[in-house]
PDB file of N, CA and C in Angstrom:
ATOM      1  N   UNK A   1    -193.035  57.676  36.528  1.00  0.00           N
ATOM      2  CA  UNK A   1    -192.500  58.414  34.986  1.00  0.00           C
ATOM      3  C   UNK A   1    -192.108  57.864  34.376  1.00  0.00           C
ATOM      4  N   UNK A   2    -192.457  57.377  32.895  1.00  0.00           N
ATOM      5  CA  UNK A   2    -191.317  56.812  31.907  1.00  0.00           C
ATOM      6  C   UNK A   2    -190.140  57.304  31.373  1.00  0.00           C
ATOM      7  N   UNK A   3    -189.416  57.102  31.114  1.00  0.00           N
ATOM      8  CA  UNK A   3    -188.404  57.622  30.427  1.00  0.00           C
ATOM      9  C   UNK A   3    -188.052  58.567  29.983  1.00  0.00           C
ATOM     10  N   UNK A   4    -189.131  58.682  29.154  1.00  0.00           N
ATOM     11  CA  UNK A   4    -189.122  59.953  28.001  1.00  0.00           C
ATOM     12  C   UNK A   4    -189.440  61.371  28.473  1.00  0.00           C
ATOM     13  N   UNK A   5    -190.549  61.244  29.722  1.00  0.00           N
ATOM     14  CA  UNK A   5    -190.455  62.260  30.200  1.00  0.00           C
ATOM     15  C   UNK A   5    -189.637  63.002  31.179  1.00  0.00           C
ATOM     16  N   UNK A   6    -188.649  61.878  31.466  1.00  0.00           N
ATOM     17  CA  UNK A   6    -187.665  62.417  32.479  1.00  0.00           C
ATOM     18  C   UNK A   6    -186.300  62.772  31.303  1.00  0.00           C
ATOM     19  N   UNK A   7    -186.226  62.385  30.109  1.00  0.00           N
ATOM     20  CA  UNK A   7    -185.246  63.411  29.544  1.00  0.00           C
ATOM     21  C   UNK A   7    -186.126  64.401  29.255  1.00  0.00           C
ATOM     22  N   UNK A   8    -187.231  64.407  28.603  1.00  0.00           N
ATOM     23  CA  UNK A   8    -187.686  65.663  28.375  1.00  0.00           C
ATOM     24  C   UNK A   8    -187.506  66.903  29.783  1.00  0.00           C
ATOM     25  N   UNK A   9    -187.891  66.403  30.697  1.00  0.00           N
ATOM     26  CA  UNK A   9    -187.883  67.162  31.846  1.00  0.00           C
ATOM     27  C   UNK A   9    -185.914  67.788  31.816  1.00  0.00           C
ATOM     28  N   UNK A  10    -185.169  66.870  31.895  1.00  0.00           N
ATOM     29  CA  UNK A  10    -183.923  67.256  32.144  1.00  0.00           C
ATOM     30  C   UNK A  10    -183.490  67.962  31.101  1.00  0.00           C
ATOM     31  N   UNK A  11    -183.742  67.919  29.751  1.00  0.00           N
ATOM     32  CA  UNK A  11    -183.184  68.964  28.379  1.00  0.00           C
ATOM     33  C   UNK A  11    -183.506  70.283  28.937  1.00  0.00           C
ATOM     34  N   UNK A  12    -185.192  70.093  29.571  1.00  0.00           N
ATOM     35  CA  UNK A  12    -185.866  71.621  29.600  1.00  0.00           C
ATOM     36  C   UNK A  12    -184.869  72.515  30.811  1.00  0.00           C
ATOM     37  N   UNK A  13    -184.727  71.630  31.771  1.00  0.00           N
ATOM     38  CA  UNK A  13    -184.499  72.297  33.032  1.00  0.00           C
ATOM     39  C   UNK A  13    -182.831  72.669  32.575  1.00  0.00           C
ATOM     40  N   UNK A  14    -182.208  71.666  31.717  1.00  0.00           N
ATOM     41  CA  UNK A  14    -180.379  72.428  31.057  1.00  0.00           C
ATOM     42  C   UNK A  14    -180.779  73.402  30.296  1.00  0.00           C
ATOM     43  N   UNK A  15    -181.740  73.473  29.354  1.00  0.00           N
ATOM     44  CA  UNK A  15    -182.091  74.641  28.786  1.00  0.00           C
ATOM     45  C   UNK A  15    -182.036  75.976  29.279  1.00  0.00           C
ATOM     46  N   UNK A  16    -182.925  75.635  30.392  1.00  0.00           N
ATOM     47  CA  UNK A  16    -183.395  77.030  31.023  1.00  0.00           C
ATOM     48  C   UNK A  16    -182.046  77.489  31.618  1.00  0.00           C
ATOM     49  N   UNK A  17    -181.538  76.953  32.063  1.00  0.00           N
ATOM     50  CA  UNK A  17    -180.093  77.222  33.147  1.00  0.00           C
ATOM     51  C   UNK A  17    -178.758  77.524  32.049  1.00  0.00           C
ATOM     52  N   UNK A  18    -179.205  77.241  30.566  1.00  0.00           N
ATOM     53  CA  UNK A  18    -177.884  77.589  30.023  1.00  0.00           C
ATOM     54  C   UNK A  18    -178.404  78.777  29.108  1.00  0.00           C
ATOM     55  N   UNK A  19    -179.570  79.170  28.708  1.00  0.00           N
ATOM     56  CA  UNK A  19    -179.799  80.050  27.595  1.00  0.00           C
ATOM     57  C   UNK A  19    -179.552  81.676  28.376  1.00  0.00           C
ATOM     58  N   UNK A  20    -180.018  81.736  29.555  1.00  0.00           N
ATOM     59  CA  UNK A  20    -179.858  83.104  30.247  1.00  0.00           C
ATOM     60  C   UNK A  20    -178.481  83.558  30.375  1.00  0.00           C
ATOM     61  N   UNK A  21    -177.205  82.204  30.433  1.00  0.00           N
ATOM     62  CA  UNK A  21    -175.959  83.069  30.698  1.00  0.00           C
ATOM     63  C   UNK A  21    -175.510  82.938  29.007  1.00  0.00           C
ATOM     64  N   UNK A  22    -175.532  82.940  28.050  1.00  0.00           N
ATOM     65  CA  UNK A  22    -175.317  83.219  27.024  1.00  0.00           C
ATOM     66  C   UNK A  22    -175.691  83.888  26.144  1.00  0.00           C
ATOM     67  N   UNK A  23    -177.004  84.403  26.139  1.00  0.00           N
ATOM     68  CA  UNK A  23    -177.810  85.323  25.536  1.00  0.00           C
ATOM     69  C   UNK A  23    -177.867  86.675  26.415  1.00  0.00           C
ATOM     70  N   UNK A  24    -177.587  86.802  27.799  1.00  0.00           N
ATOM     71  CA  UNK A  24    -178.130  88.082  28.737  1.00  0.00           C
ATOM     72  C   UNK A  24    -177.187  89.035  28.532  1.00  0.00           C
ATOM     73  N   UNK A  25    -175.870  88.727  27.904  1.00  0.00           N
ATOM     74  CA  UNK A  25    -174.915  89.928  28.464  1.00  0.00           C
ATOM     75  C   UNK A  25    -174.721  90.066  26.811  1.00  0.00           C
ATOM     76  N   UNK A  26    -174.318  91.889  26.589  1.00  0.00           N
ATOM     77  CA  UNK A  26    -173.531  91.920  25.509  1.00  0.00           C
ATOM     78  C   UNK A  26    -172.237  91.791  24.835  1.00  0.00           C
ATOM     79  N   UNK A  27    -172.605  91.818  23.838  1.00  0.00           N
ATOM     80  CA  UNK A  27    -171.223  91.310  23.010  1.00  0.00           C
ATOM     81  C   UNK A  27    -170.549  92.508  21.862  1.00  0.00           C
ATOM     82  N   UNK A  28    -169.057  92.281  22.036  1.00  0.00           N
ATOM     83  CA  UNK A  28    -168.796  93.758  21.013  1.00  0.00           C
ATOM     84  C   UNK A  28    -169.227  93.311  19.741  1.00  0.00           C
ATOM     85  N   UNK A  29    -169.327  94.212  18.675  1.00  0.00           N
ATOM     86  CA  UNK A  29    -169.539  94.414  17.479  1.00  0.00           C
ATOM     87  C   UNK A  29    -168.639  95.330  16.816  1.00  0.00           C
ATOM     88  N   UNK A  30    -168.204  95.913  16.984  1.00  0.00           N
ATOM     89  CA  UNK A  30    -167.181  97.015  16.417  1.00  0.00           C
ATOM     90  C   UNK A  30    -166.706  97.843  17.490  1.00  0.00           C
ATOM     91  N   UNK A  31    -165.002  97.628  17.762  1.00  0.00           N
ATOM     92  CA  UNK A  31    -164.326  98.971  18.510  1.00  0.00           C
ATOM     93  C   UNK A  31    -163.473  99.568  17.959  1.00  0.00           C
ATOM     94  N   UNK A  32    -163.347 100.865  17.919  1.00  0.00           N
ATOM     95  CA  UNK A  32    -162.501 101.580  17.096  1.00  0.00           C
ATOM     96  C   UNK A  32    -162.230 102.830  18.189  1.00  0.00           C
ATOM     97  N   UNK A  33    -161.326 103.232  17.595  1.00  0.00           N
ATOM     98  CA  UNK A  33    -161.067 105.126  18.519  1.00  0.00           C
ATOM     99  C   UNK A  33    -162.334 105.682  18.932  1.00  0.00           C
ATOM    100  N   UNK A  34    -163.071 105.887  17.966  1.00  0.00           N
ATOM    101  CA  UNK A  34    -163.952 106.409  18.008  1.00  0.00           C
ATOM    102  C   UNK A  34    -165.306 106.156  18.000  1.00  0.00           C
ATOM    103  N   UNK A  35    -165.318 105.110  17.976  1.00  0.00           N
ATOM    104  CA  UNK A  35    -166.598 104.155  17.832  1.00  0.00           C
ATOM    105  C   UNK A  35    -166.597 102.638  18.513  1.00  0.00           C
ATOM    106  N   UNK A  36    -167.664 102.633  19.018  1.00  0.00           N
ATOM    107  CA  UNK A  36    -167.753 101.350  19.970  1.00  0.00           C
ATOM    108  C   UNK A  36    -169.423 101.341  19.771  1.00  0.00           C
ATOM    109  N   UNK A  37    -169.557  99.477  19.370  1.00  0.00           N
ATOM    110  CA  UNK A  37    -170.886  99.464  19.305  1.00  0.00           C
ATOM    111  C   UNK A  37    -170.899  97.923  20.047  1.00  0.00           C
ATOM    112  N   UNK A  38    -171.781  97.578  20.899  1.00  0.00           N
ATOM    113  CA  UNK A  38    -172.119  96.211  21.252  1.00  0.00           C
ATOM    114  C   UNK A  38    -174.273  95.765  21.251  1.00  0.00           C
ATOM    115  N   UNK A  39    -174.357  94.795  21.077  1.00  0.00           N
ATOM    116  CA  UNK A  39    -175.422  93.931  20.958  1.00  0.00           C
ATOM    117  C   UNK A  39    -175.560  93.357  21.907  1.00  0.00           C
ATOM    118  N   UNK A  40    -176.776  93.219  22.740  1.00  0.00           N
ATOM    119  CA  UNK A  40    -177.258  92.315  23.600  1.00  0.00           C
ATOM    120  C   UNK A  40    -178.500  91.812  23.833  1.00  0.00           C
ATOM    121  N   UNK A  41    -179.555  91.418  24.370  1.00  0.00           N
ATOM    122  CA  UNK A  41    -180.626  91.195  24.327  1.00  0.00           C
ATOM    123  C   UNK A  41    -181.011  90.280  26.139  1.00  0.00           C
ATOM    124  N   UNK A  42    -182.418  90.105  26.181  1.00  0.00           N
ATOM    125  CA  UNK A  42    -182.697  89.280  27.478  1.00  0.00           C
ATOM    126  C   UNK A  42    -184.100  88.994  27.271  1.00  0.00           C
ATOM    127  N   UNK A  43    -184.527  88.085  27.184  1.00  0.00           N
ATOM    128  CA  UNK A  43    -185.683  87.325  27.493  1.00  0.00           C
ATOM    129  C   UNK A  43    -186.318  86.900  28.825  1.00  0.00           C
ATOM    130  N   UNK A  44    -187.292  86.759  29.184  1.00  0.00           N
ATOM    131  CA  UNK A  44    -188.109  86.042  30.302  1.00  0.00           C
ATOM    132  C   UNK A  44    -189.098  85.239  29.984  1.00  0.00           C
ATOM    133  N   UNK A  45    -189.154  83.798  30.438  1.00  0.00           N
ATOM    134  CA  UNK A  45    -189.510  82.841  30.371  1.00  0.00           C
ATOM    135  C   UNK A  45    -190.621  82.742  31.137  1.00  0.00           C
ATOM    136  N   UNK A  46    -191.724  82.150  30.973  1.00  0.00           N
ATOM    137  CA  UNK A  46    -192.921  81.679  32.251  1.00  0.00           C
ATOM    138  C   UNK A  46    -193.427  80.603  31.457  1.00  0.00           C
ATOM    139  N   UNK A  47    -193.064  79.435  32.598  1.00  0.00           N
ATOM    140  CA  UNK A  47    -193.677  78.027  32.142  1.00  0.00           C
ATOM    141  C   UNK A  47    -194.710  77.358  33.293  1.00  0.00           C
ATOM    142  N   UNK A  48    -195.552  76.649  33.063  1.00  0.00           N
ATOM    143  CA  UNK A  48    -196.612  76.048  33.907  1.00  0.00           C
ATOM    144  C   UNK A  48    -196.870  74.916  33.835  1.00  0.00           C
ATOM    145  N   UNK A  49    -196.918  74.099  34.567  1.00  0.00           N
ATOM    146  CA  UNK A  49    -196.937  72.331  34.047  1.00  0.00           C
ATOM    147  C   UNK A  49    -198.667  71.766  35.094  1.00  0.00           C
ATOM    148  N   UNK A  50    -199.223  70.788  34.247  1.00  0.00           N
ATOM    149  CA  UNK A  50    -200.291  70.769  35.019  1.00  0.00           C
ATOM    150  C   UNK A  50    -200.266  69.147  34.705  1.00  0.00           C
ATOM    151  N   UNK A  51    -200.948  68.180  35.654  1.00  0.00           N
ATOM    152  CA  UNK A  51    -201.240  66.872  35.431  1.00  0.00           C
ATOM    153  C   UNK A  51    -202.521  66.705  35.681  1.00  0.00           C
ATOM    154  N   UNK A  52    -202.902  65.939  34.486  1.00  0.00           N
ATOM    155  CA  UNK A  52    -204.375  65.985  34.302  1.00  0.00           C
ATOM    156  C   UNK A  52    -204.680  64.328  34.109  1.00  0.00           C
ATOM    157  N   UNK A  53    -205.662  63.940  34.497  1.00  0.00           N
ATOM    158  CA  UNK A  53    -206.216  62.040  34.661  1.00  0.00           C
ATOM    159  C   UNK A  53    -206.983  62.627  33.326  1.00  0.00           C
ATOM    160  N   UNK A  54    -206.147  62.237  32.324  1.00  0.00           N
ATOM    161  CA  UNK A  54    -206.588  61.982  30.971  1.00  0.00           C
ATOM    162  C   UNK A  54    -206.629  60.934  30.106  1.00  0.00           C
ATOM    163  N   UNK A  55    -207.394  59.818  29.827  1.00  0.00           N
ATOM    164  CA  UNK A  55    -206.843  58.909  29.599  1.00  0.00           C
ATOM    165  C   UNK A  55    -206.660  58.334  27.681  1.00  0.00           C
ATOM    166  N   UNK A  56    -207.112  59.603  26.746  1.00  0.00           N
ATOM    167  CA  UNK A  56    -206.623  60.016  25.503  1.00  0.00           C
ATOM    168  C   UNK A  56    -205.239  60.354  25.496  1.00  0.00           C
ATOM    169  N   UNK A  57    -204.872  61.536  25.712  1.00  0.00           N
ATOM    170  CA  UNK A  57    -203.530  62.105  25.629  1.00  0.00           C
ATOM    171  C   UNK A  57    -202.787  62.359  26.955  1.00  0.00           C
ATOM    172  N   UNK A  58    -201.332  62.603  26.560  1.00  0.00           N
ATOM    173  CA  UNK A  58    -200.589  62.422  28.333  1.00  0.00           C
ATOM    174  C   UNK A  58    -200.959  63.220  29.472  1.00  0.00           C
ATOM    175  N   UNK A  59    -200.712  62.726  30.234  1.00  0.00           N
ATOM    176  CA  UNK A  59    -201.046  63.347  31.543  1.00  0.00           C
ATOM    177  C   UNK A  59    -200.501  64.296  31.931  1.00  0.00           C
ATOM    178  N   UNK A  60    -198.925  64.712  31.369  1.00  0.00           N
ATOM    179  CA  UNK A  60    -198.375  65.810  32.172  1.00  0.00           C
ATOM    180  C   UNK A  60    -198.121  66.741  30.449  1.00  0.00           C
ATOM    181  N   UNK A  61    -198.438  68.081  31.140  1.00  0.00           N
ATOM    182  CA  UNK A  61    -198.498  68.801  29.806  1.00  0.00           C
ATOM    183  C   UNK A  61    -198.126  70.261  30.425  1.00  0.00           C
ATOM    184  N   UNK A  62    -197.107  70.867  29.703  1.00  0.00           N
ATOM    185  CA  UNK A  62    -195.876  72.023  30.157  1.00  0.00           C
ATOM    186  C   UNK A  62    -196.682  73.101  28.851  1.00  0.00           C
ATOM    187  N   UNK A  63    -196.731  74.189  29.605  1.00  0.00           N
ATOM    188  CA  UNK A  63    -197.001  75.253  28.507  1.00  0.00           C
ATOM    189  C   UNK A  63    -196.126  76.528  28.760  1.00  0.00           C
ATOM    190  N   UNK A  64    -195.174  77.020  27.755  1.00  0.00           N
ATOM    191  CA  UNK A  64    -193.969  78.486  27.944  1.00  0.00           C
ATOM    192  C   UNK A  64    -194.591  79.319  27.019  1.00  0.00           C
ATOM    193  N   UNK A  65    -194.626  80.307  27.959  1.00  0.00           N
ATOM    194  CA  UNK A  65    -194.709  81.327  27.478  1.00  0.00           C
ATOM    195  C   UNK A  65    -193.538  82.390  27.442  1.00  0.00           C
ATOM    196  N   UNK A  66    -193.484  83.175  26.212  1.00  0.00           N
ATOM    197  CA  UNK A  66    -192.255  84.370  26.217  1.00  0.00           C
ATOM    198  C   UNK A  66    -192.799  85.386  26.895  1.00  0.00           C
ATOM    199  N   UNK A  67    -192.640  86.322  27.831  1.00  0.00           N
ATOM    200  CA  UNK A  67    -193.376  87.147  28.975  1.00  0.00           C
ATOM    201  C   UNK A  67    -192.924  88.473  28.267  1.00  0.00           C
ATOM    202  N   UNK A  68    -191.326  88.179  28.178  1.00  0.00           N
ATOM    203  CA  UNK A  68    -190.554  89.401  27.879  1.00  0.00           C
ATOM    204  C   UNK A  68    -189.376  89.075  26.912  1.00  0.00           C
ATOM    205  N   UNK A  69    -189.446  90.302  26.130  1.00  0.00           N
ATOM    206  CA  UNK A  69    -188.090  90.188  25.083  1.00  0.00           C
ATOM    207  C   UNK A  69    -187.605  91.602  24.625  1.00  0.00           C
ATOM    208  N   UNK A  70    -186.212  91.843  25.170  1.00  0.00           N
ATOM    209  CA  UNK A  70    -185.513  93.128  24.400  1.00  0.00           C
ATOM    210  C   UNK A  70    -184.086  92.613  23.697  1.00  0.00           C
ATOM    211  N   UNK A  71    -184.185  93.998  22.953  1.00  0.00           N
ATOM    212  CA  UNK A  71    -182.996  94.067  22.270  1.00  0.00           C
ATOM    213  C   UNK A  71    -182.397  95.117  22.569  1.00  0.00           C
ATOM    214  N   UNK A  72    -181.298  95.061  23.058  1.00  0.00           N
ATOM    215  CA  UNK A  72    -180.377  96.292  23.624  1.00  0.00           C
ATOM    216  C   UNK A  72    -178.897  96.564  22.481  1.00  0.00           C
ATOM    217  N   UNK A  73    -178.855  97.842  22.031  1.00  0.00           N
ATOM    218  CA  UNK A  73    -177.774  98.139  21.694  1.00  0.00           C
ATOM    219  C   UNK A  73    -177.179  99.729  22.291  1.00  0.00           C
ATOM    220  N   UNK A  74    -175.836  99.483  22.492  1.00  0.00           N
ATOM    221  CA  UNK A  74    -175.230 100.371  23.445  1.00  0.00           C
ATOM    222  C   UNK A  74    -173.823 100.896  22.840  1.00  0.00           C
ATOM    223  N   UNK A  75    -173.317 101.937  23.310  1.00  0.00           N
ATOM    224  CA  UNK A  75    -171.637 102.132  22.795  1.00  0.00           C
ATOM    225  C   UNK A  75    -171.517 103.330  23.016  1.00  0.00           C
ATOM    226  N   UNK A  76    -170.521 103.655  22.089  1.00  0.00           N
ATOM    227  CA  UNK A  76    -169.746 105.091  22.117  1.00  0.00           C
ATOM    228  C   UNK A  76    -169.534 105.594  21.196  1.00  0.00           C
ATOM    229  N   UNK A  77    -169.951 106.852  20.893  1.00  0.00           N
ATOM    230  CA  UNK A  77    -169.400 108.037  19.675  1.00  0.00           C
ATOM    231  C   UNK A  77    -168.747 108.788  20.199  1.00  0.00           C
ATOM    232  N   UNK A  78    -167.775 109.176  18.876  1.00  0.00           N
ATOM    233  CA  UNK A  78    -166.927 110.225  19.468  1.00  0.00           C
ATOM    234  C   UNK A  78    -167.647 111.675  20.501  1.00  0.00           C
ATOM    235  N   UNK A  79    -168.736 111.939  19.431  1.00  0.00           N
ATOM    236  CA  UNK A  79    -169.647 113.558  19.806  1.00  0.00           C
ATOM    237  C   UNK A  79    -169.638 113.469  21.080  1.00  0.00           C
ATOM    238  N   UNK A  80    -170.654 111.801  21.413  1.00  0.00           N
ATOM    239  CA  UNK A  80    -171.349 111.466  22.367  1.00  0.00           C
ATOM    240  C   UNK A  80    -170.372 110.425  23.292  1.00  0.00           C
ATOM    241  N   UNK A  81    -170.636 110.906  24.365  1.00  0.00           N
ATOM    242  CA  UNK A  81    -169.954 109.601  25.328  1.00  0.00           C
ATOM    243  C   UNK A  81    -170.531 108.442  25.592  1.00  0.00           C
ATOM    244  N   UNK A  82    -171.615 108.333  25.276  1.00  0.00           N
ATOM    245  CA  UNK A  82    -172.634 107.180  25.709  1.00  0.00           C
ATOM    246  C   UNK A  82    -173.672 107.260  24.800  1.00  0.00           C
ATOM    247  N   UNK A  83    -174.233 106.266  24.172  1.00  0.00           N
ATOM    248  CA  UNK A  83    -175.640 106.192  23.781  1.00  0.00           C
ATOM    249  C   UNK A  83    -176.336 104.572  24.193  1.00  0.00           C
ATOM    250  N   UNK A  84    -177.496 104.485  24.318  1.00  0.00           N
ATOM    251  CA  UNK A  84    -178.132 103.687  24.632  1.00  0.00           C
ATOM    252  C   UNK A  84    -179.413 103.441  24.340  1.00  0.00           C
ATOM    253  N   UNK A  85    -179.515 102.847  23.431  1.00  0.00           N
ATOM    254  CA  UNK A  85    -180.837 101.994  22.610  1.00  0.00           C
ATOM    255  C   UNK A  85    -181.425 100.495  22.986  1.00  0.00           C
ATOM    256  N   UNK A  86    -183.073 100.642  23.010  1.00  0.00           N
ATOM    257  CA  UNK A  86    -183.247  99.535  23.564  1.00  0.00           C
ATOM    258  C   UNK A  86    -184.835  99.297  22.851  1.00  0.00           C
ATOM    259  N   UNK A  87    -185.183  98.111  22.460  1.00  0.00           N
ATOM    260  CA  UNK A  87    -186.138  97.851  22.167  1.00  0.00           C
ATOM    261  C   UNK A  87    -187.157  96.688  22.449  1.00  0.00           C
ATOM    262  N   UNK A  88    -188.179  96.777  22.850  1.00  0.00           N
ATOM    263  CA  UNK A  88    -189.203  95.949  23.522  1.00  0.00           C
ATOM    264  C   UNK A  88    -189.716  95.416  22.395  1.00  0.00           C
TER     265      UNK A  88
END
């Protein structure tokens, strides 16, 4: 395996390990005595790798697909105890 392929695998592995921790939780946008609003989200990625004997192009091919993406808004309003809205 040449050096550029190893570096690419390392970067992809690091990104897959770091992204879910930073974007998977809700973050507080507004907090008062009468109103709270949090925003969050979730993504689900699927990747496939393939090794092909091709003399013209690279032999290793990676395909990454976004399987699911969600935006989540939740919070509290004085009249309503809890509200939760999700967009797929």
